[in-house]
Amino acid sequence: MASHDNNIQTDGTPKIRVRFAPSPTGKLHVGGARTAIFNWAFARAHEGTFILRIDDTDPTRSTEENTQIILRAMRWLGLDWDEGEGIGGPYGPYRQTDRIEIYRKAAERLVAEGRAYPCFCTAEKLAADREAAQQRRDSFQGYQRTCRDIEPAEAKARIAAGEPYTIRIKVPLDRGDVVINDAVHGRVSFNARELDDFILIRTDGTPTYNFTTVVDDAMMGITHVIRGDDHLSNTPRQVMVYEALGYPTPTFAHISMILGSDGKKLSKRHGATSVEEYRDAGYLSDAFVNYLALLGWAPDGETTIVPRDVLAKSFSLDRVSKNPATFDPKKLDWIQQQYLQAMSNSEFSQQVLVPQLIAAGLESGDTESTYAARPAWFDLLSEQLKPRTTHMPEVVDKARFLYEGADVTMDEKSVAKNLAKEGARSFVSAAYEALSKLDEEAWHAEQIDAALEPLPETLGVNKRKFYGAVRVAECGNQVSPPLGASIELLGREIGLARLNRALSLAL
């Protein structure tokens, strides 16, 4: 075991050390991600250490695939860890399956010190004792401590003979209430007399959660345990383990659960719940982290945009609410839009537009070289799409018409409503004649708009009808980015070719 001496600050107080310890029994969900964010932010705000530990001692559900999914999600969230899985550190290993011998030795020490003991009760014996206690209406109906006072010599002999056994902690019978000063909930008291001598090591030699998490947190010098309040009921048992091992109890901070709009715990019925689903839906990690950080915490009563660097400086447990938070997809979308709008056109091009176009097969190569080939073109397109984008993949459908050459795909309803109307041919013909007078040098949105602007009055027609016909001719749809910019992005040759093609479709 590594020494904790390096974890003491100059004023004699322990340096902040926190951990996120997911179980790889599934994907990283929203609730777990928020817990990770709070731990990361707390560590950064206090110049502490953030540890990523994999609690994989559930052999039936933990998988390596899930571990890798969690690691990818953490990296996408941008929650860099200082010690732990993948990077090591002085208190490794950081996977519980690699620490089984550590737990075994800790349990043996507790037995040797008389703080734990072997229990030989079978499942049938335990069930019978429980039923008898219920029939007697005993106030205490937990494990009846049948094996608590077996002499050590007898216990050793029975173990040597191959008799199955568990190892149970010896909860002091005179222990008063277990009181914790939770950083979120305040003073919380538990009646120690309701605690039975719970199992530390199962008959198959595997350790239990309440034992492993304490051994790991104690040996890794964790100062603050920030986790969901569904773990609050585990806390008195864990305090018993801390005391038996002789380690100081950390500060606990149990954060409230996240609810759906119906007031029930967030689940699949409310929509996407895993981090990767939000990544694939086109959310920026900065926006997603910002939003999750606000679920149960706020820097003040008003601020909603909290950039990552501000979060890392301003996060504090005293502003974490004990009340459940409600996941609001509309607010997440609003925050996402704020982050997108704050980007320059160049940033939007390189971080959103070009990567999405490459992923969709509309562009090829890597982002850097593709953008460098025509930065002005991409930035103009970004200027048009940025205000109209919430989820990043949306740019693909909005930009697809630019990649279809002269034969743009025509939306049938748009054609019927705009081109297949009497007089539409004259609108398209007038637009072709006006734009054909512009050379390559003048093929810019301002000049294009200026050339088209007087035509409705000249033709004596409604502007909406005129521009509707021209828009469908150029873009294939009546819904598109601003027309002048769209035509500029198409280029002179394609822009004129589409108008010429539309003459055969218009009435």
Protein backbone atom coordinates (compact mmCIF):
# COMPACT_ATOMS: atom_id res chain seq x y z
CA MET A 1 0.00 0.00 0.00
CA ALA A 2 1.28 3.45 -0.95
CA SER A 3 1.83 6.07 1.70
CA HIS A 4 -0.68 8.90 2.11
CA ASP A 5 2.02 11.30 3.31
CA ASN A 6 2.11 13.06 -0.07
CA ASN A 7 -1.59 13.82 0.25
CA ILE A 8 -1.15 16.34 3.07
CA GLN A 9 -1.18 20.04 2.26
CA THR A 10 1.16 22.58 3.80
CA ASP A 11 -1.52 23.57 6.35
CA GLY A 12 -1.75 19.99 7.54
CA THR A 13 -5.14 19.22 5.98
CA PRO A 14 -5.55 16.38 3.48
CA LYS A 15 -5.48 17.19 -0.19
CA ILE A 16 -8.81 16.63 -1.87
CA ARG A 17 -9.04 13.18 -3.42
CA VAL A 18 -12.27 12.02 -5.05
CA ARG A 19 -13.20 9.12 -7.25
CA PHE A 20 -15.74 8.05 -9.81
CA ALA A 21 -16.21 4.29 -9.58
CA PRO A 22 -18.69 3.00 -12.16
CA SER A 23 -19.69 -0.63 -12.37
CA PRO A 24 -19.30 -1.84 -15.98
CA THR A 25 -22.68 -3.56 -16.04
CA GLY A 26 -23.98 -1.30 -18.81
CA LYS A 27 -23.39 2.01 -20.56
CA LEU A 28 -22.60 5.25 -18.75
CA HIS A 29 -25.98 6.84 -18.15
CA VAL A 30 -26.95 10.44 -17.45
CA GLY A 31 -27.01 9.98 -13.67
CA GLY A 32 -23.57 8.42 -13.59
CA ALA A 33 -22.21 11.08 -15.92
CA ARG A 34 -23.46 13.84 -13.61
CA THR A 35 -21.81 12.09 -10.64
CA ALA A 36 -18.56 11.96 -12.60
CA ILE A 37 -18.88 15.66 -13.51
CA PHE A 38 -19.44 16.68 -9.89
CA ASN A 39 -16.41 14.67 -8.73
CA TRP A 40 -14.23 16.02 -11.53
CA ALA A 41 -15.31 19.62 -10.93
CA PHE A 42 -14.85 19.34 -7.17
CA ALA A 43 -11.33 18.01 -7.64
CA ARG A 44 -10.43 20.72 -10.13
CA ALA A 45 -11.93 23.52 -8.01
CA HIS A 46 -9.81 22.42 -5.03
CA GLU A 47 -6.66 21.49 -6.96
CA GLY A 48 -7.28 17.93 -5.87
CA THR A 49 -7.02 14.52 -7.50
CA PHE A 50 -9.74 12.87 -9.58
CA ILE A 51 -9.56 9.08 -9.75
CA LEU A 52 -11.36 6.73 -12.12
CA ARG A 53 -11.82 3.28 -10.61
CA ILE A 54 -13.69 0.40 -12.23
CA ASP A 55 -15.86 -1.45 -9.70
CA ASP A 56 -16.23 -4.68 -11.65
CA THR A 57 -16.76 -7.28 -8.93
CA ASP A 58 -20.20 -8.27 -10.25
CA PRO A 59 -19.00 -11.24 -12.36
CA THR A 60 -22.38 -11.95 -13.93
CA ARG A 61 -22.92 -8.45 -15.35
CA SER A 62 -19.54 -6.72 -15.63
CA THR A 63 -17.95 -6.91 -19.07
CA GLU A 64 -14.83 -5.56 -20.72
CA GLU A 65 -16.99 -4.15 -23.50
CA ASN A 66 -18.93 -2.07 -20.99
CA THR A 67 -15.69 -0.89 -19.41
CA GLN A 68 -14.49 0.41 -22.78
CA ILE A 69 -17.87 2.07 -23.42
CA ILE A 70 -17.55 3.89 -20.09
CA LEU A 71 -13.99 4.98 -20.86
CA ARG A 72 -15.02 6.32 -24.28
CA ALA A 73 -17.90 8.22 -22.71
CA MET A 74 -15.60 9.75 -20.08
CA ARG A 75 -13.16 10.86 -22.76
CA TRP A 76 -15.95 12.35 -24.87
CA LEU A 77 -17.22 14.23 -21.81
CA GLY A 78 -13.69 15.61 -21.41
CA LEU A 79 -13.43 14.44 -17.79
CA ASP A 80 -9.71 13.79 -17.59
CA TRP A 81 -8.66 11.73 -14.59
CA ASP A 82 -5.38 11.99 -12.68
CA GLU A 83 -5.13 8.38 -11.54
CA GLY A 84 -6.93 5.23 -12.46
CA GLU A 85 -7.91 2.96 -15.29
CA GLY A 86 -5.62 3.28 -18.28
CA ILE A 87 -3.08 5.63 -16.70
CA GLY A 88 -2.20 3.97 -13.39
CA GLY A 89 -1.07 5.71 -10.25
CA PRO A 90 0.41 5.07 -6.80
CA TYR A 91 -2.66 3.30 -5.39
CA GLY A 92 -3.31 0.80 -8.17
CA PRO A 93 -4.51 -1.46 -9.47
CA TYR A 94 -7.68 0.47 -10.23
CA ARG A 95 -9.95 -2.42 -11.21
CA GLN A 96 -11.54 -4.28 -8.34
CA THR A 97 -11.08 -7.64 -10.03
CA ASP A 98 -7.33 -6.99 -9.82
CA ARG A 99 -7.58 -6.22 -6.09
CA ILE A 100 -9.14 -9.45 -4.78
CA GLU A 101 -6.02 -10.35 -2.80
CA ILE A 102 -6.13 -6.93 -1.13
CA TYR A 103 -9.69 -7.56 0.06
CA ARG A 104 -8.83 -11.06 1.25
CA LYS A 105 -5.94 -9.77 3.37
CA ALA A 106 -8.08 -6.97 4.80
CA ALA A 107 -10.76 -9.47 5.79
CA GLU A 108 -8.20 -11.81 7.35
CA ARG A 109 -6.81 -8.92 9.39
CA LEU A 110 -10.28 -8.09 10.70
CA VAL A 111 -10.84 -11.73 11.68
CA ALA A 112 -7.44 -11.88 13.41
CA GLU A 113 -8.27 -8.72 15.35
CA GLY A 114 -11.69 -10.02 16.39
CA ARG A 115 -13.55 -7.42 14.30
CA ALA A 116 -14.97 -10.00 11.89
CA TYR A 117 -15.64 -13.73 12.02
CA PRO A 118 -16.38 -16.79 9.87
CA CYS A 119 -20.05 -17.71 9.57
CA PHE A 120 -21.04 -21.26 8.67
CA CYS A 121 -24.80 -20.73 8.46
CA THR A 122 -26.36 -22.23 5.37
CA ALA A 123 -28.98 -20.46 3.27
CA GLU A 124 -31.59 -22.80 4.77
CA LYS A 125 -30.47 -21.96 8.31
CA LEU A 126 -30.63 -18.24 7.60
CA ALA A 127 -34.10 -18.53 6.08
CA ALA A 128 -35.36 -20.53 9.05
CA ASP A 129 -33.93 -18.03 11.55
CA ARG A 130 -35.50 -15.15 9.64
CA GLU A 131 -38.89 -16.81 9.58
CA ALA A 132 -38.68 -17.59 13.31
CA ALA A 133 -37.80 -13.96 14.09
CA GLN A 134 -40.75 -12.79 12.02
CA GLN A 135 -43.09 -15.16 13.84
CA ARG A 136 -41.78 -13.91 17.19
CA ARG A 137 -42.20 -10.37 15.85
CA ASP A 138 -38.70 -9.54 16.99
CA SER A 139 -37.71 -5.91 16.55
CA PHE A 140 -34.46 -7.19 15.02
CA GLN A 141 -34.99 -9.60 12.14
CA GLY A 142 -31.55 -9.57 10.54
CA TYR A 143 -28.84 -12.19 10.85
CA GLN A 144 -29.14 -13.67 14.36
CA ARG A 145 -25.35 -13.69 14.97
CA THR A 146 -25.38 -17.49 15.38
CA CYS A 147 -21.66 -17.86 14.62
CA ARG A 148 -20.45 -14.65 16.27
CA ASP A 149 -19.06 -16.34 19.39
CA ILE A 150 -17.63 -19.53 17.89
CA GLU A 151 -14.14 -20.08 19.30
CA PRO A 152 -11.38 -19.27 16.79
CA ALA A 153 -9.92 -22.77 17.11
CA GLU A 154 -13.26 -24.37 16.24
CA ALA A 155 -13.73 -22.01 13.32
CA LYS A 156 -10.28 -22.86 11.94
CA ALA A 157 -10.99 -26.58 12.25
CA ARG A 158 -14.28 -26.29 10.39
CA ILE A 159 -12.64 -24.24 7.66
CA ALA A 160 -9.83 -26.81 7.39
CA ALA A 161 -12.45 -29.53 7.05
CA GLY A 162 -13.83 -27.77 3.99
CA GLU A 163 -17.03 -26.42 5.47
CA PRO A 164 -18.36 -23.47 3.42
CA TYR A 165 -18.33 -20.12 5.20
CA THR A 166 -18.69 -16.39 4.78
CA ILE A 167 -16.89 -13.65 6.68
CA ARG A 168 -19.11 -11.25 8.57
CA ILE A 169 -18.24 -8.00 10.29
CA LYS A 170 -18.73 -7.88 14.04
CA VAL A 171 -20.87 -4.77 14.55
CA PRO A 172 -20.32 -3.55 18.14
CA LEU A 173 -23.48 -4.32 20.13
CA ASP A 174 -23.12 -1.14 22.14
CA ARG A 175 -22.55 1.07 19.09
CA GLY A 176 -24.65 4.22 19.29
CA ASP A 177 -26.39 5.80 16.35
CA VAL A 178 -24.34 6.19 13.19
CA VAL A 179 -24.35 9.90 12.45
CA ILE A 180 -22.90 11.43 9.31
CA ASN A 181 -22.71 15.09 8.41
CA ASP A 182 -23.55 14.81 4.75
CA ALA A 183 -22.29 17.73 2.66
CA VAL A 184 -25.64 17.87 0.85
CA HIS A 185 -28.25 16.52 3.29
CA GLY A 186 -26.73 17.76 6.54
CA ARG A 187 -26.93 15.63 9.69
CA VAL A 188 -28.25 12.14 8.95
CA SER A 189 -28.65 9.58 11.73
CA PHE A 190 -29.02 5.79 11.47
CA ASN A 191 -29.98 3.41 14.26
CA ALA A 192 -26.98 1.08 14.62
CA ARG A 193 -29.13 -1.45 16.44
CA GLU A 194 -30.84 -2.16 13.13
CA LEU A 195 -27.56 -3.26 11.53
CA ASP A 196 -26.83 -6.95 11.44
CA ASP A 197 -23.38 -8.51 11.11
CA PHE A 198 -23.37 -8.18 7.33
CA ILE A 199 -21.22 -10.23 4.98
CA LEU A 200 -17.81 -8.99 3.84
CA ILE A 201 -16.68 -12.09 1.92
CA ARG A 202 -19.11 -14.52 0.30
CA THR A 203 -18.79 -18.32 0.38
CA ASP A 204 -17.18 -18.28 -3.07
CA GLY A 205 -14.49 -15.91 -1.82
CA THR A 206 -15.79 -12.83 -3.62
CA PRO A 207 -16.08 -9.60 -1.62
CA THR A 208 -19.27 -7.59 -1.22
CA TYR A 209 -19.77 -4.02 -2.43
CA ASN A 210 -19.91 -2.45 1.02
CA PHE A 211 -16.56 -4.01 1.83
CA THR A 212 -14.65 -3.41 -1.40
CA THR A 213 -15.67 0.21 -1.78
CA VAL A 214 -14.50 1.05 1.74
CA VAL A 215 -11.21 -0.82 1.41
CA ASP A 216 -10.52 0.93 -1.89
CA ASP A 217 -11.60 4.39 -0.75
CA ALA A 218 -9.60 4.07 2.46
CA MET A 219 -6.43 2.77 0.83
CA MET A 220 -6.64 5.32 -1.99
CA GLY A 221 -6.97 8.19 0.49
CA ILE A 222 -10.39 9.33 -0.74
CA THR A 223 -11.40 12.42 1.24
CA HIS A 224 -14.88 12.99 -0.22
CA VAL A 225 -17.33 10.40 -1.48
CA ILE A 226 -19.67 12.18 -3.91
CA ARG A 227 -22.33 9.81 -5.20
CA GLY A 228 -26.05 9.37 -5.80
CA ASP A 229 -28.37 9.40 -2.83
CA ASP A 230 -29.49 5.86 -3.67
CA HIS A 231 -26.28 4.93 -1.82
CA LEU A 232 -27.26 6.79 1.34
CA SER A 233 -28.71 3.63 2.89
CA ASN A 234 -25.34 1.88 2.39
CA THR A 235 -23.52 4.52 4.40
CA PRO A 236 -24.00 3.17 7.97
CA ARG A 237 -22.65 -0.23 6.95
CA GLN A 238 -19.70 1.39 5.26
CA VAL A 239 -19.00 3.49 8.35
CA MET A 240 -18.85 0.21 10.31
CA VAL A 241 -16.19 -1.07 7.91
CA TYR A 242 -14.17 2.15 8.14
CA GLU A 243 -14.20 1.92 11.93
CA ALA A 244 -13.29 -1.77 11.95
CA LEU A 245 -10.35 -1.13 9.60
CA GLY A 246 -9.24 1.86 11.66
CA TYR A 247 -9.49 4.36 8.83
CA PRO A 248 -10.98 7.86 9.09
CA THR A 249 -14.43 8.24 7.56
CA PRO A 250 -14.49 10.51 4.50
CA THR A 251 -16.93 13.34 3.94
CA PHE A 252 -20.03 12.01 2.22
CA ALA A 253 -22.04 14.02 -0.29
CA HIS A 254 -25.14 12.26 -1.58
CA ILE A 255 -26.59 14.00 -4.61
CA SER A 256 -30.25 13.74 -5.54
CA MET A 257 -31.59 11.56 -8.29
CA ILE A 258 -32.55 12.84 -11.74
CA LEU A 259 -36.22 12.67 -12.62
CA GLY A 260 -38.06 12.67 -15.92
CA SER A 261 -40.75 15.20 -16.78
CA ASP A 262 -43.35 12.96 -15.13
CA GLY A 263 -41.60 13.15 -11.76
CA LYS A 264 -40.37 9.56 -11.92
CA LYS A 265 -36.75 8.40 -11.98
CA LEU A 266 -35.16 9.04 -15.37
CA SER A 267 -35.31 5.91 -17.52
CA LYS A 268 -35.62 4.70 -21.10
CA ARG A 269 -39.27 5.67 -21.21
CA HIS A 270 -38.17 9.32 -21.10
CA GLY A 271 -35.93 8.90 -24.16
CA ALA A 272 -32.16 8.62 -24.44
CA THR A 273 -30.38 7.90 -21.16
CA SER A 274 -26.81 6.91 -22.08
CA VAL A 275 -24.01 9.38 -22.76
CA GLU A 276 -23.20 7.82 -26.13
CA GLU A 277 -26.79 8.30 -27.30
CA TYR A 278 -26.46 12.04 -26.72
CA ARG A 279 -23.05 12.09 -28.41
CA ASP A 280 -24.48 10.28 -31.45
CA ALA A 281 -27.50 12.59 -31.51
CA GLY A 282 -25.12 15.47 -32.16
CA TYR A 283 -24.66 17.24 -28.86
CA LEU A 284 -21.43 19.07 -28.06
CA SER A 285 -19.69 17.59 -25.05
CA ASP A 286 -19.19 21.08 -23.58
CA ALA A 287 -22.92 21.81 -23.83
CA PHE A 288 -23.84 18.40 -22.42
CA VAL A 289 -21.46 18.77 -19.46
CA ASN A 290 -22.78 22.29 -18.84
CA TYR A 291 -26.36 21.04 -18.74
CA LEU A 292 -25.71 18.02 -16.52
CA ALA A 293 -23.74 20.19 -14.09
CA LEU A 294 -26.86 22.31 -13.60
CA LEU A 295 -28.96 19.31 -12.57
CA GLY A 296 -28.81 19.85 -8.84
CA TRP A 297 -26.12 22.53 -8.75
CA ALA A 298 -25.89 26.18 -9.75
CA PRO A 299 -23.19 28.83 -9.31
CA ASP A 300 -25.97 31.30 -8.44
CA GLY A 301 -29.66 31.63 -9.07
CA GLU A 302 -29.42 32.85 -12.65
CA THR A 303 -26.40 31.69 -14.64
CA THR A 304 -27.12 28.91 -17.11
CA ILE A 305 -24.06 28.98 -19.35
CA VAL A 306 -21.16 27.60 -17.34
CA PRO A 307 -18.14 26.83 -19.54
CA ARG A 308 -15.96 23.94 -18.51
CA ASP A 309 -13.17 26.15 -17.17
CA VAL A 310 -15.63 28.16 -15.06
CA LEU A 311 -17.18 24.96 -13.70
CA ALA A 312 -13.72 23.73 -12.77
CA LYS A 313 -13.11 26.89 -10.75
CA SER A 314 -16.48 27.59 -9.18
CA PHE A 315 -17.96 24.20 -8.26
CA SER A 316 -18.72 23.72 -4.59
CA LEU A 317 -20.75 21.18 -2.63
CA ASP A 318 -22.54 23.85 -0.61
CA ARG A 319 -24.49 24.82 -3.73
CA VAL A 320 -25.66 21.29 -4.47
CA SER A 321 -29.40 20.93 -3.89
CA LYS A 322 -30.85 18.07 -1.87
CA ASN A 323 -33.99 18.17 -4.03
CA PRO A 324 -34.32 15.94 -7.11
CA ALA A 325 -33.49 17.53 -10.46
CA THR A 326 -35.70 17.23 -13.54
CA PHE A 327 -34.15 16.41 -16.90
CA ASP A 328 -35.50 18.90 -19.42
CA PRO A 329 -34.57 18.09 -23.07
CA LYS A 330 -35.71 21.55 -24.19
CA LYS A 331 -33.30 23.27 -21.84
CA LEU A 332 -30.50 20.97 -22.99
CA ASP A 333 -31.29 21.95 -26.59
CA TRP A 334 -31.29 25.64 -25.64
CA ILE A 335 -27.87 25.33 -24.01
CA GLN A 336 -26.62 23.41 -27.03
CA GLN A 337 -27.77 26.25 -29.29
CA GLN A 338 -25.99 28.81 -27.13
CA TYR A 339 -22.72 26.93 -27.50
CA LEU A 340 -23.17 26.56 -31.25
CA GLN A 341 -24.02 30.25 -31.69
CA ALA A 342 -20.96 31.24 -29.67
CA MET A 343 -18.71 29.55 -32.24
CA SER A 344 -17.09 31.57 -34.99
CA ASN A 345 -17.90 30.44 -38.52
CA SER A 346 -14.45 28.89 -38.75
CA GLU A 347 -14.93 26.96 -35.50
CA PHE A 348 -18.35 25.75 -36.58
CA SER A 349 -16.91 24.62 -39.90
CA GLN A 350 -14.07 22.65 -38.38
CA GLN A 351 -15.81 21.28 -35.29
CA VAL A 352 -19.29 20.63 -36.66
CA LEU A 353 -19.88 21.11 -40.38
CA VAL A 354 -16.91 19.43 -42.06
CA PRO A 355 -16.73 16.42 -39.70
CA GLN A 356 -20.45 15.79 -40.21
CA LEU A 357 -20.18 16.10 -44.00
CA ILE A 358 -17.27 13.66 -44.01
CA ALA A 359 -19.15 11.21 -41.80
CA ALA A 360 -22.12 11.38 -44.20
CA GLY A 361 -19.90 10.74 -47.23
CA LEU A 362 -20.52 14.14 -48.81
CA GLU A 363 -16.86 15.07 -48.31
CA SER A 364 -13.83 12.81 -48.17
CA GLY A 365 -10.50 13.00 -46.39
CA ASP A 366 -9.79 14.43 -42.97
CA THR A 367 -11.26 17.56 -41.46
CA GLU A 368 -8.10 19.65 -41.63
CA SER A 369 -7.29 19.09 -45.30
CA THR A 370 -10.93 19.24 -46.41
CA TYR A 371 -11.46 22.56 -44.68
CA ALA A 372 -8.15 23.96 -45.91
CA ALA A 373 -9.16 23.28 -49.53
CA ARG A 374 -11.96 25.90 -49.44
CA PRO A 375 -12.30 27.57 -46.04
CA ALA A 376 -14.29 30.57 -47.33
CA TRP A 377 -16.92 28.27 -48.87
CA PHE A 378 -17.34 26.24 -45.69
CA ASP A 379 -17.43 29.35 -43.52
CA LEU A 380 -20.16 30.90 -45.67
CA LEU A 381 -22.16 27.68 -45.37
CA SER A 382 -21.56 27.68 -41.61
CA GLU A 383 -22.82 31.24 -41.39
CA GLN A 384 -26.10 30.09 -42.94
CA LEU A 385 -26.50 26.83 -41.03
CA LYS A 386 -25.29 27.80 -37.57
CA PRO A 387 -28.45 29.72 -36.54
CA ARG A 388 -30.57 26.86 -37.90
CA THR A 389 -28.80 23.99 -36.12
CA THR A 390 -29.48 22.36 -32.77
CA HIS A 391 -28.10 18.86 -33.25
CA MET A 392 -24.92 18.59 -35.29
CA PRO A 393 -26.09 15.92 -37.79
CA GLU A 394 -28.81 18.34 -38.95
CA VAL A 395 -26.23 20.17 -41.09
CA VAL A 396 -26.00 17.18 -43.42
CA ASP A 397 -29.60 17.32 -44.62
CA LYS A 398 -29.50 21.11 -44.76
CA ALA A 399 -26.35 21.06 -46.94
CA ARG A 400 -27.09 17.99 -49.08
CA PHE A 401 -28.66 20.02 -51.91
CA LEU A 402 -25.27 21.65 -52.53
CA TYR A 403 -23.70 18.31 -53.44
CA GLU A 404 -26.18 17.14 -56.11
CA GLY A 405 -24.86 18.97 -59.16
CA ALA A 406 -27.29 20.28 -61.76
CA ASP A 407 -29.83 17.55 -61.07
CA VAL A 408 -30.84 18.47 -57.54
CA THR A 409 -33.40 16.18 -55.93
CA MET A 410 -36.77 17.85 -56.17
CA ASP A 411 -39.25 17.61 -53.33
CA GLU A 412 -42.56 16.72 -54.96
CA LYS A 413 -44.73 18.80 -52.63
CA SER A 414 -42.47 21.83 -53.06
CA VAL A 415 -42.56 21.45 -56.84
CA ALA A 416 -46.35 21.13 -56.84
CA LYS A 417 -46.79 24.17 -54.66
CA ASN A 418 -44.22 26.44 -56.32
CA LEU A 419 -43.03 25.30 -59.77
CA ALA A 420 -46.12 23.56 -61.06
CA LYS A 421 -48.10 26.75 -60.84
CA GLU A 422 -49.13 29.01 -63.68
CA GLY A 423 -46.54 31.72 -64.27
CA ALA A 424 -43.69 29.88 -62.53
CA ARG A 425 -41.84 29.41 -65.80
CA SER A 426 -41.68 33.15 -66.31
CA PHE A 427 -40.32 33.60 -62.78
CA VAL A 428 -37.53 31.09 -63.37
CA SER A 429 -36.78 32.52 -66.82
CA ALA A 430 -36.48 36.04 -65.41
CA ALA A 431 -34.19 34.83 -62.65
CA TYR A 432 -32.01 32.98 -65.19
CA GLU A 433 -31.72 36.06 -67.39
CA ALA A 434 -30.84 38.33 -64.46
CA LEU A 435 -28.28 36.00 -62.90
CA SER A 436 -26.62 35.07 -66.18
CA LYS A 437 -25.47 38.67 -66.40
CA LEU A 438 -23.33 38.17 -63.29
CA ASP A 439 -19.83 36.87 -63.96
CA GLU A 440 -17.79 34.71 -61.61
CA GLU A 441 -16.34 37.75 -59.84
CA ALA A 442 -19.80 39.08 -59.04
CA TRP A 443 -21.26 35.72 -57.99
CA HIS A 444 -21.83 36.65 -54.36
CA ALA A 445 -24.95 36.67 -52.22
CA GLU A 446 -25.25 40.44 -52.14
CA GLN A 447 -25.13 40.82 -55.93
CA ILE A 448 -27.37 37.80 -56.44
CA ASP A 449 -29.97 39.20 -54.06
CA ALA A 450 -29.70 42.61 -55.72
CA ALA A 451 -30.24 41.08 -59.16
CA LEU A 452 -33.34 39.19 -58.05
CA GLU A 453 -34.88 41.86 -55.82
CA PRO A 454 -36.62 44.03 -58.49
CA LEU A 455 -37.99 41.08 -60.52
CA PRO A 456 -41.30 40.48 -58.68
CA GLU A 457 -42.34 44.10 -59.19
CA THR A 458 -41.18 44.04 -62.80
CA LEU A 459 -43.23 40.89 -63.40
CA GLY A 460 -46.12 42.24 -61.37
CA VAL A 461 -46.27 39.17 -59.15
CA ASN A 462 -46.30 38.34 -55.47
CA LYS A 463 -42.81 38.13 -53.95
CA ARG A 464 -43.60 34.93 -52.12
CA LYS A 465 -44.63 33.19 -55.33
CA PHE A 466 -41.59 34.43 -57.24
CA TYR A 467 -39.02 33.48 -54.65
CA GLY A 468 -40.78 30.19 -53.93
CA ALA A 469 -40.33 29.11 -57.53
CA VAL A 470 -36.69 30.22 -57.72
CA ARG A 471 -35.86 28.62 -54.38
CA VAL A 472 -37.27 25.23 -55.39
CA ALA A 473 -35.45 25.48 -58.75
CA GLU A 474 -32.12 26.12 -57.05
CA CYS A 475 -32.45 24.13 -53.80
CA GLY A 476 -35.03 21.46 -54.65
CA ASN A 477 -37.07 22.42 -51.62
CA GLN A 478 -39.07 25.37 -50.39
CA VAL A 479 -37.20 25.23 -47.07
CA SER A 480 -33.51 26.08 -47.37
CA PRO A 481 -30.85 28.50 -46.11
CA PRO A 482 -31.10 32.11 -47.37
CA LEU A 483 -31.49 32.06 -51.15
CA GLY A 484 -28.68 34.42 -52.16
CA ALA A 485 -26.11 32.62 -50.06
CA SER A 486 -27.39 29.24 -51.30
CA ILE A 487 -26.96 30.28 -54.92
CA GLU A 488 -23.49 31.65 -54.20
CA LEU A 489 -22.52 28.35 -52.57
CA LEU A 490 -23.76 26.42 -55.60
CA GLY A 491 -21.45 28.39 -57.87
CA ARG A 492 -22.33 30.13 -61.14
CA GLU A 493 -22.26 27.07 -63.38
CA ILE A 494 -24.49 24.89 -61.20
CA GLY A 495 -26.72 27.78 -60.18
CA LEU A 496 -27.57 28.63 -63.79
CA ALA A 497 -27.83 24.96 -64.80
CA ARG A 498 -30.47 24.31 -62.14
CA LEU A 499 -32.54 27.27 -63.30
CA ASN A 500 -32.30 26.05 -66.87
CA ARG A 501 -33.40 22.55 -65.82
CA ALA A 502 -36.32 23.96 -63.82
CA LEU A 503 -37.68 25.65 -66.98
CA SER A 504 -38.74 22.22 -68.18
CA LEU A 505 -40.64 21.58 -64.95
CA ALA A 506 -42.35 24.94 -64.54
CA LEU A 507 -45.69 25.95 -66.04
